[in-house]
């Protein structure tokens, strides 16, 4: 079995408006194609400044990142594909 990376491979992002009146609020969601973790970036205007925060979600649960780093990728989808390929006789 090959060594798997702990880096995420983020898919294309989708933007959602969370507030239509000024100041506008929106968020961008990207999903890792390797482990199905979602990275949500929230954008809010606070006076003259724009506030950004990033959250990580998997299976409906928010994953804490106290040091501000991205949680490592566990490649669960790739591992499931490998296990399925090995279980099916050729």
C-alpha atoms as a PDB file:
ATOM      1  CA  UNK A   1       0.000   0.000   0.000  1.00  0.00           C
ATOM      2  CA  UNK A   2       1.325   3.415  -0.865  1.00  0.00           C
ATOM      3  CA  UNK A   3       1.911   6.116   1.706  1.00  0.00           C
ATOM      4  CA  UNK A   4      -0.967   8.574   1.798  1.00  0.00           C
ATOM      5  CA  UNK A   5      -0.477  12.291   2.237  1.00  0.00           C
ATOM      6  CA  UNK A   6      -2.107  14.228   5.090  1.00  0.00           C
ATOM      7  CA  UNK A   7      -2.794  17.155   2.731  1.00  0.00           C
ATOM      8  CA  UNK A   8      -6.313  18.001   1.625  1.00  0.00           C
ATOM      9  CA  UNK A   9      -7.335  18.296  -2.005  1.00  0.00           C
ATOM     10  CA  UNK A  10     -10.042  20.984  -1.926  1.00  0.00           C
ATOM     11  CA  UNK A  11     -12.717  20.979  -4.633  1.00  0.00           C
ATOM     12  CA  UNK A  12     -14.248  24.053  -6.248  1.00  0.00           C
ATOM     13  CA  UNK A  13     -15.874  26.457  -3.828  1.00  0.00           C
ATOM     14  CA  UNK A  14     -19.501  27.502  -3.655  1.00  0.00           C
ATOM     15  CA  UNK A  15     -20.500  30.935  -2.354  1.00  0.00           C
ATOM     16  CA  UNK A  16     -23.645  31.489  -0.315  1.00  0.00           C
ATOM     17  CA  UNK A  17     -25.082  34.858   0.665  1.00  0.00           C
ATOM     18  CA  UNK A  18     -26.048  34.824   4.321  1.00  0.00           C
ATOM     19  CA  UNK A  19     -27.317  38.407   4.469  1.00  0.00           C
ATOM     20  CA  UNK A  20     -28.710  40.425   1.557  1.00  0.00           C
ATOM     21  CA  UNK A  21     -28.787  43.899   3.079  1.00  0.00           C
ATOM     22  CA  UNK A  22     -25.710  46.069   3.649  1.00  0.00           C
ATOM     23  CA  UNK A  23     -23.292  45.057   5.128  1.00  0.00           C
ATOM     24  CA  UNK A  24     -23.305  41.919   3.015  1.00  0.00           C
ATOM     25  CA  UNK A  25     -22.279  38.619   4.546  1.00  0.00           C
ATOM     26  CA  UNK A  26     -21.348  35.543   2.578  1.00  0.00           C
ATOM     27  CA  UNK A  27     -19.544  32.270   3.028  1.00  0.00           C
ATOM     28  CA  UNK A  28     -17.519  29.996   0.777  1.00  0.00           C
ATOM     29  CA  UNK A  29     -17.647  26.214   1.173  1.00  0.00           C
ATOM     30  CA  UNK A  30     -15.048  23.833  -0.245  1.00  0.00           C
ATOM     31  CA  UNK A  31     -15.017  20.061   0.282  1.00  0.00           C
ATOM     32  CA  UNK A  32     -11.944  17.818   0.331  1.00  0.00           C
ATOM     33  CA  UNK A  33     -12.294  15.131  -2.338  1.00  0.00           C
ATOM     34  CA  UNK A  34     -10.086  12.784  -0.287  1.00  0.00           C
ATOM     35  CA  UNK A  35     -11.831  12.855   3.127  1.00  0.00           C
ATOM     36  CA  UNK A  36     -15.146  14.758   2.689  1.00  0.00           C
ATOM     37  CA  UNK A  37     -14.186  17.479   5.205  1.00  0.00           C
ATOM     38  CA  UNK A  38     -15.736  20.884   4.503  1.00  0.00           C
ATOM     39  CA  UNK A  39     -13.787  24.129   4.860  1.00  0.00           C
ATOM     40  CA  UNK A  40     -16.143  27.053   5.414  1.00  0.00           C
ATOM     41  CA  UNK A  41     -14.773  30.587   5.113  1.00  0.00           C
ATOM     42  CA  UNK A  42     -17.111  33.260   6.481  1.00  0.00           C
ATOM     43  CA  UNK A  43     -16.783  36.846   5.223  1.00  0.00           C
ATOM     44  CA  UNK A  44     -18.428  39.675   7.145  1.00  0.00           C
ATOM     45  CA  UNK A  45     -18.035  43.437   6.911  1.00  0.00           C
ATOM     46  CA  UNK A  46     -17.360  45.042  10.296  1.00  0.00           C
ATOM     47  CA  UNK A  47     -17.317  48.790   9.761  1.00  0.00           C
ATOM     48  CA  UNK A  48     -14.403  49.640   7.462  1.00  0.00           C
ATOM     49  CA  UNK A  49     -12.838  46.192   7.901  1.00  0.00           C
ATOM     50  CA  UNK A  50     -13.704  42.789   6.577  1.00  0.00           C
ATOM     51  CA  UNK A  51     -13.710  39.944   9.083  1.00  0.00           C
ATOM     52  CA  UNK A  52     -12.768  36.423   7.954  1.00  0.00           C
ATOM     53  CA  UNK A  53     -13.031  33.205   9.892  1.00  0.00           C
ATOM     54  CA  UNK A  54     -12.472  29.637   8.791  1.00  0.00           C
ATOM     55  CA  UNK A  55     -14.321  26.623  10.167  1.00  0.00           C
ATOM     56  CA  UNK A  56     -13.862  22.921   9.440  1.00  0.00           C
ATOM     57  CA  UNK A  57     -16.766  20.445   9.398  1.00  0.00           C
ATOM     58  CA  UNK A  58     -17.043  16.684   8.915  1.00  0.00           C
ATOM     59  CA  UNK A  59     -20.150  14.496   9.262  1.00  0.00           C
ATOM     60  CA  UNK A  60     -22.140  17.441  10.652  1.00  0.00           C
ATOM     61  CA  UNK A  61     -19.648  18.069  13.484  1.00  0.00           C
ATOM     62  CA  UNK A  62     -17.425  21.122  13.721  1.00  0.00           C
ATOM     63  CA  UNK A  63     -13.752  20.248  14.132  1.00  0.00           C
ATOM     64  CA  UNK A  64     -11.797  22.479  16.496  1.00  0.00           C
ATOM     65  CA  UNK A  65      -8.516  23.903  15.328  1.00  0.00           C
ATOM     66  CA  UNK A  66      -7.171  25.751  18.375  1.00  0.00           C
ATOM     67  CA  UNK A  67      -3.769  26.479  16.847  1.00  0.00           C
ATOM     68  CA  UNK A  68      -5.325  27.867  13.645  1.00  0.00           C
ATOM     69  CA  UNK A  69      -3.974  25.059  11.479  1.00  0.00           C
ATOM     70  CA  UNK A  70      -5.949  22.936   9.081  1.00  0.00           C
ATOM     71  CA  UNK A  71      -6.763  19.515  10.601  1.00  0.00           C
ATOM     72  CA  UNK A  72      -4.884  16.763   8.727  1.00  0.00           C
ATOM     73  CA  UNK A  73      -6.583  14.780   5.983  1.00  0.00           C
ATOM     74  CA  UNK A  74      -7.230  11.135   6.830  1.00  0.00           C
ATOM     75  CA  UNK A  75      -8.015  10.222   3.173  1.00  0.00           C
ATOM     76  CA  UNK A  76     -10.967   8.077   4.268  1.00  0.00           C
ATOM     77  CA  UNK A  77     -12.567   8.143   0.811  1.00  0.00           C
ATOM     78  CA  UNK A  78      -9.347   7.037  -0.922  1.00  0.00           C
ATOM     79  CA  UNK A  79      -8.816   4.282   1.655  1.00  0.00           C
ATOM     80  CA  UNK A  80     -12.381   3.029   1.112  1.00  0.00           C
ATOM     81  CA  UNK A  81     -11.779   2.906  -2.657  1.00  0.00           C
ATOM     82  CA  UNK A  82      -8.536   0.951  -2.150  1.00  0.00           C
ATOM     83  CA  UNK A  83     -10.215  -1.508   0.241  1.00  0.00           C
ATOM     84  CA  UNK A  84     -13.098  -2.007  -2.227  1.00  0.00           C
ATOM     85  CA  UNK A  85     -10.684  -2.587  -5.120  1.00  0.00           C
ATOM     86  CA  UNK A  86      -8.711  -5.145  -3.079  1.00  0.00           C
ATOM     87  CA  UNK A  87     -11.900  -6.955  -1.975  1.00  0.00           C
ATOM     88  CA  UNK A  88     -13.212  -7.428  -5.518  1.00  0.00           C
ATOM     89  CA  UNK A  89     -11.500 -10.370  -7.225  1.00  0.00           C
ATOM     90  CA  UNK A  90     -10.040  -9.598 -10.652  1.00  0.00           C
END
